Amino acid sequence: MEIEVVYKLTCKTCDQVYIGQTKLDVKDRMKQHKEGLRKPETSRAVDYMIKNKNNVIDFCKPEIIGRDTHKKRRETKETLLSLEHPNPYNKISHELMIFTS
């Protein structure tokens, strides 16, 4: 069981990636992504990426790239890892408050 993770889905036809996070078992999250593809309208980024960009994603092989039991820290990791990748599909939407001294 892979719960409370940050994961990466890579397109098979290009170098674009989707980075997401979930508290669920990652297999259940992949099922949700597959179900989202059956809906005519969707707001989920990965579903839109596949439907409108002709991307090909293997939902059986998500790459686990981070773990954390705390949601905000998972979201922070998701955001930072998305920014780190040269060709992310994600639109960064998490508000991060990072304080330095």
PDB file of N, CA and C in Angstrom:
ATOM      1  N   MET A   1       0.847  -1.177   0.000  1.00  0.00           N
ATOM      2  CA  MET A   1       0.000   0.000   0.000  1.00  0.00           C
ATOM      3  C   MET A   1       0.894   1.242   0.000  1.00  0.00           C
ATOM      4  N   GLU A   2       0.681   2.118  -0.939  1.00  0.00           N
ATOM      5  CA  GLU A   2       1.458   3.355  -1.082  1.00  0.00           C
ATOM      6  C   GLU A   2       0.535   4.528  -0.786  1.00  0.00           C
ATOM      7  N   ILE A   3       0.542   5.012   0.464  1.00  0.00           N
ATOM      8  CA  ILE A   3      -0.327   6.125   0.847  1.00  0.00           C
ATOM      9  C   ILE A   3       0.514   7.353   1.186  1.00  0.00           C
ATOM     10  N   GLU A   4      -0.153   8.522   1.136  1.00  0.00           N
ATOM     11  CA  GLU A   4       0.465   9.797   1.505  1.00  0.00           C
ATOM     12  C   GLU A   4       1.754  10.033   0.726  1.00  0.00           C
ATOM     13  N   VAL A   5       1.609  10.080  -0.602  1.00  0.00           N
ATOM     14  CA  VAL A   5       2.774  10.185  -1.480  1.00  0.00           C
ATOM     15  C   VAL A   5       2.640  11.347  -2.462  1.00  0.00           C
ATOM     16  N   VAL A   6       3.768  11.712  -3.028  1.00  0.00           N
ATOM     17  CA  VAL A   6       3.839  12.597  -4.187  1.00  0.00           C
ATOM     18  C   VAL A   6       4.272  11.691  -5.330  1.00  0.00           C
ATOM     19  N   TYR A   7       3.582  11.794  -6.468  1.00  0.00           N
ATOM     20  CA  TYR A   7       3.852  10.881  -7.579  1.00  0.00           C
ATOM     21  C   TYR A   7       4.039  11.653  -8.876  1.00  0.00           C
ATOM     22  N   LYS A   8       4.687  10.982  -9.823  1.00  0.00           N
ATOM     23  CA  LYS A   8       4.920  11.584 -11.142  1.00  0.00           C
ATOM     24  C   LYS A   8       4.384  10.644 -12.205  1.00  0.00           C
ATOM     25  N   LEU A   9       3.637  11.219 -13.154  1.00  0.00           N
ATOM     26  CA  LEU A   9       3.168  10.496 -14.334  1.00  0.00           C
ATOM     27  C   LEU A   9       3.868  11.113 -15.537  1.00  0.00           C
ATOM     28  N   THR A  10       4.489  10.291 -16.353  1.00  0.00           N
ATOM     29  CA  THR A  10       5.240  10.774 -17.506  1.00  0.00           C
ATOM     30  C   THR A  10       4.541  10.351 -18.786  1.00  0.00           C
ATOM     31  N   CYS A  11       4.437  11.282 -19.725  1.00  0.00           N
ATOM     32  CA  CYS A  11       3.840  10.983 -21.023  1.00  0.00           C
ATOM     33  C   CYS A  11       4.773  10.052 -21.798  1.00  0.00           C
ATOM     34  N   LYS A  12       4.188   9.070 -22.471  1.00  0.00           N
ATOM     35  CA  LYS A  12       4.981   8.130 -23.278  1.00  0.00           C
ATOM     36  C   LYS A  12       5.396   8.724 -24.621  1.00  0.00           C
ATOM     37  N   THR A  13       4.718   9.790 -25.060  1.00  0.00           N
ATOM     38  CA  THR A  13       4.992  10.339 -26.387  1.00  0.00           C
ATOM     39  C   THR A  13       5.805  11.632 -26.368  1.00  0.00           C
ATOM     40  N   CYS A  14       5.993  12.213 -25.187  1.00  0.00           N
ATOM     41  CA  CYS A  14       6.797  13.431 -25.072  1.00  0.00           C
ATOM     42  C   CYS A  14       7.418  13.457 -23.676  1.00  0.00           C
ATOM     43  N   ASP A  15       8.090  14.522 -23.332  1.00  0.00           N
ATOM     44  CA  ASP A  15       8.755  14.571 -22.024  1.00  0.00           C
ATOM     45  C   ASP A  15       7.936  15.312 -20.966  1.00  0.00           C
ATOM     46  N   GLN A  16       6.676  15.567 -21.244  1.00  0.00           N
ATOM     47  CA  GLN A  16       5.837  16.280 -20.288  1.00  0.00           C
ATOM     48  C   GLN A  16       5.462  15.369 -19.120  1.00  0.00           C
ATOM     49  N   VAL A  17       5.418  15.952 -17.911  1.00  0.00           N
ATOM     50  CA  VAL A  17       5.066  15.177 -16.724  1.00  0.00           C
ATOM     51  C   VAL A  17       3.942  15.861 -15.968  1.00  0.00           C
ATOM     52  N   TYR A  18       3.225  15.058 -15.203  1.00  0.00           N
ATOM     53  CA  TYR A  18       2.238  15.555 -14.252  1.00  0.00           C
ATOM     54  C   TYR A  18       2.703  15.090 -12.882  1.00  0.00           C
ATOM     55  N   ILE A  19       2.781  16.013 -11.945  1.00  0.00           N
ATOM     56  CA  ILE A  19       3.165  15.663 -10.583  1.00  0.00           C
ATOM     57  C   ILE A  19       1.972  15.939  -9.687  1.00  0.00           C
ATOM     58  N   GLY A  20       1.595  14.931  -8.908  1.00  0.00           N
ATOM     59  CA  GLY A  20       0.442  15.052  -8.026  1.00  0.00           C
ATOM     60  C   GLY A  20       0.750  14.516  -6.647  1.00  0.00           C
ATOM     61  N   GLN A  21      -0.191  14.723  -5.738  1.00  0.00           N
ATOM     62  CA  GLN A  21      -0.033  14.204  -4.387  1.00  0.00           C
ATOM     63  C   GLN A  21      -1.365  13.621  -3.953  1.00  0.00           C
ATOM     64  N   THR A  22      -1.319  12.661  -3.058  1.00  0.00           N
ATOM     65  CA  THR A  22      -2.543  12.038  -2.575  1.00  0.00           C
ATOM     66  C   THR A  22      -2.348  11.466  -1.183  1.00  0.00           C
ATOM     67  N   LYS A  23      -3.423  11.488  -0.413  1.00  0.00           N
ATOM     68  CA  LYS A  23      -3.411  10.788   0.876  1.00  0.00           C
ATOM     69  C   LYS A  23      -3.874   9.347   0.681  1.00  0.00           C
ATOM     70  N   LEU A  24      -4.534   9.096  -0.445  1.00  0.00           N
ATOM     71  CA  LEU A  24      -5.057   7.768  -0.761  1.00  0.00           C
ATOM     72  C   LEU A  24      -3.938   6.820  -1.171  1.00  0.00           C
ATOM     73  N   ASP A  25      -4.268   5.549  -1.236  1.00  0.00           N
ATOM     74  CA  ASP A  25      -3.355   4.593  -1.864  1.00  0.00           C
ATOM     75  C   ASP A  25      -3.198   5.050  -3.317  1.00  0.00           C
ATOM     76  N   VAL A  26      -1.986   5.110  -3.804  1.00  0.00           N
ATOM     77  CA  VAL A  26      -1.726   5.631  -5.146  1.00  0.00           C
ATOM     78  C   VAL A  26      -2.484   4.836  -6.217  1.00  0.00           C
ATOM     79  N   LYS A  27      -2.732   3.543  -5.993  1.00  0.00           N
ATOM     80  CA  LYS A  27      -3.513   2.750  -6.955  1.00  0.00           C
ATOM     81  C   LYS A  27      -4.945   3.274  -7.047  1.00  0.00           C
ATOM     82  N   ASP A  28      -5.522   3.648  -5.907  1.00  0.00           N
ATOM     83  CA  ASP A  28      -6.871   4.216  -5.910  1.00  0.00           C
ATOM     84  C   ASP A  28      -6.887   5.575  -6.606  1.00  0.00           C
ATOM     85  N   ARG A  29      -5.820   6.359  -6.415  1.00  0.00           N
ATOM     86  CA  ARG A  29      -5.739   7.673  -7.076  1.00  0.00           C
ATOM     87  C   ARG A  29      -5.643   7.497  -8.590  1.00  0.00           C
ATOM     88  N   MET A  30      -4.919   6.490  -9.046  1.00  0.00           N
ATOM     89  CA  MET A  30      -4.810   6.237 -10.481  1.00  0.00           C
ATOM     90  C   MET A  30      -6.170   5.825 -11.047  1.00  0.00           C
ATOM     91  N   LYS A  31      -6.948   5.065 -10.281  1.00  0.00           N
ATOM     92  CA  LYS A  31      -8.307   4.703 -10.704  1.00  0.00           C
ATOM     93  C   LYS A  31      -9.156   5.955 -10.869  1.00  0.00           C
ATOM     94  N   GLN A  32      -9.007   6.919  -9.947  1.00  0.00           N
ATOM     95  CA  GLN A  32      -9.746   8.178 -10.062  1.00  0.00           C
ATOM     96  C   GLN A  32      -9.360   8.917 -11.337  1.00  0.00           C
ATOM     97  N   HIS A  33      -8.081   8.938 -11.659  1.00  0.00           N
ATOM     98  CA  HIS A  33      -7.644   9.592 -12.898  1.00  0.00           C
ATOM     99  C   HIS A  33      -8.274   8.903 -14.112  1.00  0.00           C
ATOM    100  N   LYS A  34      -8.282   7.582 -14.124  1.00  0.00           N
ATOM    101  CA  LYS A  34      -8.885   6.841 -15.245  1.00  0.00           C
ATOM    102  C   LYS A  34     -10.371   7.145 -15.363  1.00  0.00           C
ATOM    103  N   GLU A  35     -11.073   7.199 -14.227  1.00  0.00           N
ATOM    104  CA  GLU A  35     -12.504   7.525 -14.239  1.00  0.00           C
ATOM    105  C   GLU A  35     -12.733   8.936 -14.753  1.00  0.00           C
ATOM    106  N   GLY A  36     -11.840   9.854 -14.437  1.00  0.00           N
ATOM    107  CA  GLY A  36     -11.956  11.229 -14.903  1.00  0.00           C
ATOM    108  C   GLY A  36     -11.897  11.341 -16.414  1.00  0.00           C
ATOM    109  N   LEU A  37     -11.219  10.405 -17.059  1.00  0.00           N
ATOM    110  CA  LEU A  37     -11.123  10.423 -18.521  1.00  0.00           C
ATOM    111  C   LEU A  37     -12.449  10.094 -19.186  1.00  0.00           C
ATOM    112  N   ARG A  38     -13.331   9.436 -18.462  1.00  0.00           N
ATOM    113  CA  ARG A  38     -14.633   9.061 -19.030  1.00  0.00           C
ATOM    114  C   ARG A  38     -15.640  10.208 -18.980  1.00  0.00           C
ATOM    115  N   LYS A  39     -15.336  11.232 -18.197  1.00  0.00           N
ATOM    116  CA  LYS A  39     -16.253  12.362 -18.045  1.00  0.00           C
ATOM    117  C   LYS A  39     -16.053  13.339 -19.202  1.00  0.00           C
ATOM    118  N   PRO A  40     -17.152  13.897 -19.720  1.00  0.00           N
ATOM    119  CA  PRO A  40     -17.011  14.837 -20.839  1.00  0.00           C
ATOM    120  C   PRO A  40     -16.306  16.134 -20.441  1.00  0.00           C
ATOM    121  N   GLU A  41     -16.546  16.619 -19.250  1.00  0.00           N
ATOM    122  CA  GLU A  41     -15.907  17.845 -18.764  1.00  0.00           C
ATOM    123  C   GLU A  41     -15.105  17.482 -17.525  1.00  0.00           C
ATOM    124  N   THR A  42     -13.919  17.994 -17.431  1.00  0.00           N
ATOM    125  CA  THR A  42     -13.114  17.718 -16.244  1.00  0.00           C
ATOM    126  C   THR A  42     -12.249  18.919 -15.918  1.00  0.00           C
ATOM    127  N   SER A  43     -11.985  19.097 -14.643  1.00  0.00           N
ATOM    128  CA  SER A  43     -11.103  20.187 -14.235  1.00  0.00           C
ATOM    129  C   SER A  43      -9.763  19.655 -13.737  1.00  0.00           C
ATOM    130  N   ARG A  44      -9.631  18.350 -13.662  1.00  0.00           N
ATOM    131  CA  ARG A  44      -8.364  17.775 -13.208  1.00  0.00           C
ATOM    132  C   ARG A  44      -7.306  17.928 -14.294  1.00  0.00           C
ATOM    133  N   ALA A  45      -6.167  18.416 -13.903  1.00  0.00           N
ATOM    134  CA  ALA A  45      -5.110  18.719 -14.869  1.00  0.00           C
ATOM    135  C   ALA A  45      -4.662  17.508 -15.663  1.00  0.00           C
ATOM    136  N   VAL A  46      -4.465  16.377 -14.994  1.00  0.00           N
ATOM    137  CA  VAL A  46      -3.967  15.202 -15.722  1.00  0.00           C
ATOM    138  C   VAL A  46      -5.000  14.703 -16.724  1.00  0.00           C
ATOM    139  N   ASP A  47      -6.281  14.764 -16.375  1.00  0.00           N
ATOM    140  CA  ASP A  47      -7.328  14.337 -17.304  1.00  0.00           C
ATOM    141  C   ASP A  47      -7.369  15.263 -18.518  1.00  0.00           C
ATOM    142  N   TYR A  48      -7.271  16.560 -18.277  1.00  0.00           N
ATOM    143  CA  TYR A  48      -7.265  17.539 -19.365  1.00  0.00           C
ATOM    144  C   TYR A  48      -6.031  17.341 -20.243  1.00  0.00           C
ATOM    145  N   MET A  49      -4.906  17.072 -19.609  1.00  0.00           N
ATOM    146  CA  MET A  49      -3.649  16.859 -20.336  1.00  0.00           C
ATOM    147  C   MET A  49      -3.788  15.728 -21.349  1.00  0.00           C
ATOM    148  N   ILE A  50      -4.422  14.650 -20.946  1.00  0.00           N
ATOM    149  CA  ILE A  50      -4.568  13.493 -21.824  1.00  0.00           C
ATOM    150  C   ILE A  50      -5.606  13.755 -22.902  1.00  0.00           C
ATOM    151  N   LYS A  51      -6.747  14.328 -22.525  1.00  0.00           N
ATOM    152  CA  LYS A  51      -7.832  14.542 -23.486  1.00  0.00           C
ATOM    153  C   LYS A  51      -7.487  15.574 -24.546  1.00  0.00           C
ATOM    154  N   ASN A  52      -6.830  16.648 -24.156  1.00  0.00           N
ATOM    155  CA  ASN A  52      -6.647  17.768 -25.062  1.00  0.00           C
ATOM    156  C   ASN A  52      -5.246  17.918 -25.634  1.00  0.00           C
ATOM    157  N   LYS A  53      -4.318  17.173 -25.135  1.00  0.00           N
ATOM    158  CA  LYS A  53      -2.942  17.288 -25.618  1.00  0.00           C
ATOM    159  C   LYS A  53      -2.456  16.002 -26.276  1.00  0.00           C
ATOM    160  N   ASN A  54      -3.319  14.999 -26.373  1.00  0.00           N
ATOM    161  CA  ASN A  54      -2.961  13.704 -26.959  1.00  0.00           C
ATOM    162  C   ASN A  54      -1.776  13.049 -26.252  1.00  0.00           C
ATOM    163  N   ASN A  55      -1.697  13.256 -24.951  1.00  0.00           N
ATOM    164  CA  ASN A  55      -0.658  12.602 -24.167  1.00  0.00           C
ATOM    165  C   ASN A  55      -1.070  11.169 -23.868  1.00  0.00           C
ATOM    166  N   VAL A  56      -0.087  10.304 -23.689  1.00  0.00           N
ATOM    167  CA  VAL A  56      -0.334   8.901 -23.364  1.00  0.00           C
ATOM    168  C   VAL A  56       0.337   8.620 -22.018  1.00  0.00           C
ATOM    169  N   ILE A  57      -0.480   8.301 -21.029  1.00  0.00           N
ATOM    170  CA  ILE A  57       0.012   8.068 -19.670  1.00  0.00           C
ATOM    171  C   ILE A  57      -0.246   6.624 -19.280  1.00  0.00           C
ATOM    172  N   ASP A  58       0.738   5.991 -18.665  1.00  0.00           N
ATOM    173  CA  ASP A  58       0.567   4.643 -18.122  1.00  0.00           C
ATOM    174  C   ASP A  58       0.238   4.778 -16.638  1.00  0.00           C
ATOM    175  N   PHE A  59      -1.046   4.657 -16.309  1.00  0.00           N
ATOM    176  CA  PHE A  59      -1.481   4.809 -14.928  1.00  0.00           C
ATOM    177  C   PHE A  59      -1.067   3.627 -14.054  1.00  0.00           C
ATOM    178  N   CYS A  60      -0.567   2.569 -14.654  1.00  0.00           N
ATOM    179  CA  CYS A  60      -0.110   1.410 -13.872  1.00  0.00           C
ATOM    180  C   CYS A  60       1.288   1.628 -13.306  1.00  0.00           C
ATOM    181  N   LYS A  61       1.970   2.677 -13.771  1.00  0.00           N
ATOM    182  CA  LYS A  61       3.352   2.887 -13.346  1.00  0.00           C
ATOM    183  C   LYS A  61       3.621   4.311 -12.859  1.00  0.00           C
ATOM    184  N   PRO A  62       2.881   4.770 -11.837  1.00  0.00           N
ATOM    185  CA  PRO A  62       3.229   6.083 -11.291  1.00  0.00           C
ATOM    186  C   PRO A  62       4.551   5.974 -10.530  1.00  0.00           C
ATOM    187  N   GLU A  63       5.382   6.980 -10.670  1.00  0.00           N
ATOM    188  CA  GLU A  63       6.661   6.978  -9.958  1.00  0.00           C
ATOM    189  C   GLU A  63       6.491   7.736  -8.642  1.00  0.00           C
ATOM    190  N   ILE A  64       6.785   7.085  -7.524  1.00  0.00           N
ATOM    191  CA  ILE A  64       6.695   7.728  -6.217  1.00  0.00           C
ATOM    192  C   ILE A  64       7.958   8.564  -6.036  1.00  0.00           C
ATOM    193  N   ILE A  65       7.774   9.888  -5.870  1.00  0.00           N
ATOM    194  CA  ILE A  65       8.931  10.775  -5.770  1.00  0.00           C
ATOM    195  C   ILE A  65       9.002  11.496  -4.430  1.00  0.00           C
ATOM    196  N   GLY A  66       8.035  11.250  -3.558  1.00  0.00           N
ATOM    197  CA  GLY A  66       8.058  11.855  -2.230  1.00  0.00           C
ATOM    198  C   GLY A  66       7.013  11.225  -1.337  1.00  0.00           C
ATOM    199  N   ARG A  67       7.214  11.387  -0.049  1.00  0.00           N
ATOM    200  CA  ARG A  67       6.266  10.863   0.940  1.00  0.00           C
ATOM    201  C   ARG A  67       6.157  11.862   2.081  1.00  0.00           C
ATOM    202  N   ASP A  68       4.950  11.995   2.625  1.00  0.00           N
ATOM    203  CA  ASP A  68       4.763  12.809   3.818  1.00  0.00           C
ATOM    204  C   ASP A  68       3.363  12.575   4.354  1.00  0.00           C
ATOM    205  N   THR A  69       3.239  12.496   5.655  1.00  0.00           N
ATOM    206  CA  THR A  69       1.926  12.274   6.265  1.00  0.00           C
ATOM    207  C   THR A  69       1.128  13.563   6.390  1.00  0.00           C
ATOM    208  N   HIS A  70       1.780  14.709   6.236  1.00  0.00           N
ATOM    209  CA  HIS A  70       1.140  16.016   6.400  1.00  0.00           C
ATOM    210  C   HIS A  70       0.767  16.596   5.034  1.00  0.00           C
ATOM    211  N   LYS A  71      -0.512  16.935   4.851  1.00  0.00           N
ATOM    212  CA  LYS A  71      -1.001  17.382   3.542  1.00  0.00           C
ATOM    213  C   LYS A  71      -0.260  18.610   3.014  1.00  0.00           C
ATOM    214  N   LYS A  72      -0.087  19.646   3.829  1.00  0.00           N
ATOM    215  CA  LYS A  72       0.566  20.872   3.345  1.00  0.00           C
ATOM    216  C   LYS A  72       2.012  20.609   2.920  1.00  0.00           C
ATOM    217  N   ARG A  73       2.689  19.727   3.628  1.00  0.00           N
ATOM    218  CA  ARG A  73       4.063  19.396   3.220  1.00  0.00           C
ATOM    219  C   ARG A  73       4.070  18.617   1.910  1.00  0.00           C
ATOM    220  N   ARG A  74       3.074  17.721   1.714  1.00  0.00           N
ATOM    221  CA  ARG A  74       2.970  17.016   0.422  1.00  0.00           C
ATOM    222  C   ARG A  74       2.706  18.014  -0.692  1.00  0.00           C
ATOM    223  N   GLU A  75       1.813  18.982  -0.435  1.00  0.00           N
ATOM    224  CA  GLU A  75       1.516  19.999  -1.451  1.00  0.00           C
ATOM    225  C   GLU A  75       2.758  20.832  -1.762  1.00  0.00           C
ATOM    226  N   THR A  76       3.541  21.140  -0.735  1.00  0.00           N
ATOM    227  CA  THR A  76       4.776  21.898  -0.945  1.00  0.00           C
ATOM    228  C   THR A  76       5.749  21.098  -1.800  1.00  0.00           C
ATOM    229  N   LYS A  77       5.897  19.821  -1.488  1.00  0.00           N
ATOM    230  CA  LYS A  77       6.776  18.955  -2.287  1.00  0.00           C
ATOM    231  C   LYS A  77       6.279  18.867  -3.724  1.00  0.00           C
ATOM    232  N   GLU A  78       4.962  18.720  -3.896  1.00  0.00           N
ATOM    233  CA  GLU A  78       4.377  18.661  -5.238  1.00  0.00           C
ATOM    234  C   GLU A  78       4.727  19.921  -6.021  1.00  0.00           C
ATOM    235  N   THR A  79       4.569  21.072  -5.375  1.00  0.00           N
ATOM    236  CA  THR A  79       4.852  22.344  -6.031  1.00  0.00           C
ATOM    237  C   THR A  79       6.328  22.472  -6.386  1.00  0.00           C
ATOM    238  N   LEU A  80       7.199  22.211  -5.426  1.00  0.00           N
ATOM    239  CA  LEU A  80       8.636  22.359  -5.672  1.00  0.00           C
ATOM    240  C   LEU A  80       9.141  21.379  -6.723  1.00  0.00           C
ATOM    241  N   LEU A  81       8.655  20.148  -6.694  1.00  0.00           N
ATOM    242  CA  LEU A  81       9.072  19.163  -7.696  1.00  0.00           C
ATOM    243  C   LEU A  81       8.532  19.521  -9.082  1.00  0.00           C
ATOM    244  N   SER A  82       7.341  20.127  -9.136  1.00  0.00           N
ATOM    245  CA  SER A  82       6.802  20.586 -10.427  1.00  0.00           C
ATOM    246  C   SER A  82       7.663  21.706 -10.993  1.00  0.00           C
ATOM    247  N   LEU A  83       8.072  22.621 -10.127  1.00  0.00           N
ATOM    248  CA  LEU A  83       8.911  23.735 -10.564  1.00  0.00           C
ATOM    249  C   LEU A  83      10.298  23.269 -10.993  1.00  0.00           C
ATOM    250  N   GLU A  84      10.762  22.186 -10.392  1.00  0.00           N
ATOM    251  CA  GLU A  84      12.092  21.651 -10.684  1.00  0.00           C
ATOM    252  C   GLU A  84      12.159  20.972 -12.052  1.00  0.00           C
ATOM    253  N   HIS A  85      11.035  20.428 -12.507  1.00  0.00           N
ATOM    254  CA  HIS A  85      11.028  19.689 -13.773  1.00  0.00           C
ATOM    255  C   HIS A  85      10.999  20.666 -14.945  1.00  0.00           C
ATOM    256  N   PRO A  86      11.748  20.398 -16.012  1.00  0.00           N
ATOM    257  CA  PRO A  86      11.795  21.325 -17.144  1.00  0.00           C
ATOM    258  C   PRO A  86      10.505  21.402 -17.963  1.00  0.00           C
ATOM    259  N   ASN A  87       9.647  20.381 -17.907  1.00  0.00           N
ATOM    260  CA  ASN A  87       8.441  20.398 -18.734  1.00  0.00           C
ATOM    261  C   ASN A  87       7.230  19.846 -17.969  1.00  0.00           C
ATOM    262  N   PRO A  88       6.833  20.545 -16.878  1.00  0.00           N
ATOM    263  CA  PRO A  88       5.681  20.047 -16.121  1.00  0.00           C
ATOM    264  C   PRO A  88       4.374  20.469 -16.771  1.00  0.00           C
ATOM    265  N   TYR A  89       3.348  19.654 -16.611  1.00  0.00           N
ATOM    266  CA  TYR A  89       2.027  20.049 -17.077  1.00  0.00           C
ATOM    267  C   TYR A  89       1.289  20.831 -15.999  1.00  0.00           C
ATOM    268  N   ASN A  90       1.623  20.582 -14.753  1.00  0.00           N
ATOM    269  CA  ASN A  90       0.910  21.197 -13.637  1.00  0.00           C
ATOM    270  C   ASN A  90       0.903  22.712 -13.728  1.00  0.00           C
ATOM    271  N   LYS A  91      -0.226  23.269 -13.342  1.00  0.00           N
ATOM    272  CA  LYS A  91      -0.293  24.694 -13.086  1.00  0.00           C
ATOM    273  C   LYS A  91      -0.199  24.814 -11.572  1.00  0.00           C
ATOM    274  N   ILE A  92       0.811  25.491 -11.102  1.00  0.00           N
ATOM    275  CA  ILE A  92       1.029  25.575  -9.663  1.00  0.00           C
ATOM    276  C   ILE A  92      -0.077  26.426  -9.050  1.00  0.00           C
ATOM    277  N   SER A  93      -0.805  25.827  -8.110  1.00  0.00           N
ATOM    278  CA  SER A  93      -1.930  26.540  -7.516  1.00  0.00           C
ATOM    279  C   SER A  93      -1.865  26.607  -5.999  1.00  0.00           C
ATOM    280  N   HIS A  94      -0.902  25.931  -5.408  1.00  0.00           N
ATOM    281  CA  HIS A  94      -0.810  25.957  -3.951  1.00  0.00           C
ATOM    282  C   HIS A  94      -0.129  27.251  -3.521  1.00  0.00           C
ATOM    283  N   GLU A  95      -0.694  27.894  -2.519  1.00  0.00           N
ATOM    284  CA  GLU A  95      -0.054  29.078  -1.972  1.00  0.00           C
ATOM    285  C   GLU A  95       0.964  28.616  -0.943  1.00  0.00           C
ATOM    286  N   LEU A  96       2.192  28.990  -1.158  1.00  0.00           N
ATOM    287  CA  LEU A  96       3.254  28.592  -0.242  1.00  0.00           C
ATOM    288  C   LEU A  96       3.720  29.804   0.538  1.00  0.00           C
ATOM    289  N   MET A  97       3.823  29.631   1.834  1.00  0.00           N
ATOM    290  CA  MET A  97       4.364  30.687   2.677  1.00  0.00           C
ATOM    291  C   MET A  97       5.674  30.146   3.237  1.00  0.00           C
ATOM    292  N   ILE A  98       6.760  30.535   2.619  1.00  0.00           N
ATOM    293  CA  ILE A  98       8.071  30.059   3.038  1.00  0.00           C
ATOM    294  C   ILE A  98       8.799  31.234   3.690  1.00  0.00           C
ATOM    295  N   PHE A  99       9.193  31.032   4.919  1.00  0.00           N
ATOM    296  CA  PHE A  99       9.865  32.086   5.668  1.00  0.00           C
ATOM    297  C   PHE A  99      11.334  31.728   5.821  1.00  0.00           C
ATOM    298  N   THR A 100      12.167  32.703   5.627  1.00  0.00           N
ATOM    299  CA  THR A 100      13.594  32.497   5.843  1.00  0.00           C
ATOM    300  C   THR A 100      14.079  33.534   6.842  1.00  0.00           C
ATOM    301  N   SER A 101      15.130  33.212   7.520  1.00  0.00           N
ATOM    302  CA  SER A 101      15.657  34.173   8.498  1.00  0.00           C
ATOM    303  C   SER A 101      17.054  34.609   8.118  1.00  0.00           C
TER     304      SER A 101
END
